Amino acid sequence: MRVLSFFLIILIFFNFVFAEENGIQKIQDEVFRILKNIIMFLFSALMLLTGLVLLFLGLKYILAKGDIKKLHETLLYVVLGLILLVSSFFIPNLLKNLIESLRS
């Protein structure tokens, strides 16, 4: 009787789950892949925009007849923006590689 009650308790209170592989990791990988693609697209679009602004400023610089000081100021802002854009791409990768190298 004790053995039977023991097995009944196990069957009633301990539900065995026969689950498949966890799909959360696959979803996370998919989300990270999509985010990476969006970030790469934005980075490429901003690089293209920076190049177009530099071309426009170069043309404006050539055609300028007097107020070159404003052009220098705008060119400074564009170059600083370009440096910020490039560093925003490389700094996270550098930190990621540094953290991975420290873990191993």
Protein backbone atom coordinates (compact mmCIF):
# COMPACT_ATOMS: atom_id res chain seq x y z
CA MET A 1 0.00 0.00 0.00
CA ARG A 2 2.85 2.36 0.79
CA VAL A 3 4.48 1.71 -2.55
CA LEU A 4 1.22 2.36 -4.38
CA SER A 5 0.61 5.61 -2.50
CA PHE A 6 4.19 6.68 -3.19
CA PHE A 7 3.74 6.21 -6.94
CA LEU A 8 0.37 7.96 -6.87
CA ILE A 9 1.90 10.96 -5.10
CA ILE A 10 4.68 11.08 -7.68
CA LEU A 11 2.19 10.92 -10.54
CA ILE A 12 -0.13 13.53 -9.05
CA PHE A 13 2.31 16.12 -7.74
CA PHE A 14 5.30 15.80 -10.04
CA ASN A 15 4.32 16.47 -13.59
CA PHE A 16 6.93 15.33 -16.02
CA VAL A 17 7.32 17.69 -18.92
CA PHE A 18 8.50 16.37 -22.21
CA ALA A 19 9.28 19.70 -23.81
CA GLU A 20 11.08 20.32 -27.02
CA GLU A 21 14.11 22.46 -27.49
CA ASN A 22 13.87 25.98 -26.14
CA GLY A 23 12.85 28.34 -28.94
CA ILE A 24 13.72 31.51 -27.03
CA GLN A 25 17.34 31.43 -28.16
CA LYS A 26 16.27 31.22 -31.79
CA ILE A 27 13.98 34.22 -31.37
CA GLN A 28 16.71 36.21 -29.61
CA ASP A 29 19.16 35.40 -32.38
CA GLU A 30 16.62 36.56 -34.96
CA VAL A 31 15.97 39.82 -33.09
CA PHE A 32 19.70 40.50 -32.75
CA ARG A 33 20.20 39.80 -36.45
CA ILE A 34 17.42 42.24 -37.38
CA LEU A 35 18.78 44.91 -35.03
CA LYS A 36 22.26 44.45 -36.47
CA ASN A 37 20.90 44.88 -40.00
CA ILE A 38 19.03 48.05 -38.99
CA ILE A 39 22.12 49.51 -37.34
CA MET A 40 24.30 48.68 -40.35
CA PHE A 41 21.73 50.29 -42.67
CA LEU A 42 21.61 53.45 -40.54
CA PHE A 43 25.41 53.57 -40.40
CA SER A 44 25.64 53.24 -44.19
CA ALA A 45 22.95 55.88 -44.73
CA LEU A 46 24.67 58.31 -42.36
CA MET A 47 28.03 57.72 -44.05
CA LEU A 48 26.41 58.44 -47.42
CA LEU A 49 24.79 61.58 -46.02
CA THR A 50 28.12 62.73 -44.59
CA GLY A 51 29.78 62.22 -47.96
CA LEU A 52 27.04 64.19 -49.70
CA VAL A 53 27.34 67.03 -47.19
CA LEU A 54 31.12 67.09 -47.69
CA LEU A 55 30.60 67.28 -51.46
CA PHE A 56 28.09 70.09 -51.01
CA LEU A 57 30.46 71.97 -48.71
CA GLY A 58 33.31 71.51 -51.15
CA LEU A 59 31.21 72.95 -53.95
CA LYS A 60 30.06 75.78 -51.71
CA TYR A 61 33.67 76.42 -50.68
CA ILE A 62 34.75 76.67 -54.31
CA LEU A 63 31.88 78.99 -55.18
CA ALA A 64 32.15 81.11 -52.01
CA LYS A 65 32.99 84.71 -52.64
CA GLY A 66 33.31 86.09 -49.17
CA ASP A 67 32.03 84.43 -46.01
CA ILE A 68 34.42 81.49 -45.72
CA LYS A 69 34.28 81.56 -41.91
CA LYS A 70 30.80 79.98 -41.89
CA LEU A 71 32.01 77.30 -44.27
CA HIS A 72 34.94 76.47 -42.00
CA GLU A 73 32.57 76.22 -39.03
CA THR A 74 30.17 73.96 -40.93
CA LEU A 75 33.06 71.84 -42.20
CA LEU A 76 34.31 71.47 -38.63
CA TYR A 77 30.87 70.24 -37.53
CA VAL A 78 30.71 67.76 -40.41
CA VAL A 79 34.17 66.38 -39.64
CA LEU A 80 33.34 66.09 -35.93
CA GLY A 81 30.09 64.33 -36.85
CA LEU A 82 32.01 61.93 -39.09
CA ILE A 83 34.48 61.17 -36.30
CA LEU A 84 31.60 60.60 -33.88
CA LEU A 85 29.83 58.35 -36.40
CA VAL A 86 32.91 56.21 -37.03
CA SER A 87 33.78 55.99 -33.34
CA SER A 88 30.20 55.00 -32.50
CA PHE A 89 30.67 52.02 -34.77
CA PHE A 90 34.12 50.95 -33.56
CA ILE A 91 33.93 51.58 -29.80
CA PRO A 92 31.18 48.97 -29.09
CA ASN A 93 33.04 46.39 -31.19
CA LEU A 94 36.27 47.19 -29.35
CA LEU A 95 34.55 46.84 -25.97
CA LYS A 96 32.90 43.58 -27.03
CA ASN A 97 36.24 42.11 -28.11
CA LEU A 98 37.89 43.33 -24.92
CA ILE A 99 35.22 41.75 -22.72
CA GLU A 100 35.38 38.47 -24.65
CA SER A 101 39.16 38.37 -24.34
CA LEU A 102 38.94 39.01 -20.59
CA ARG A 103 36.44 36.17 -20.14
CA SER A 104 38.70 33.58 -21.71
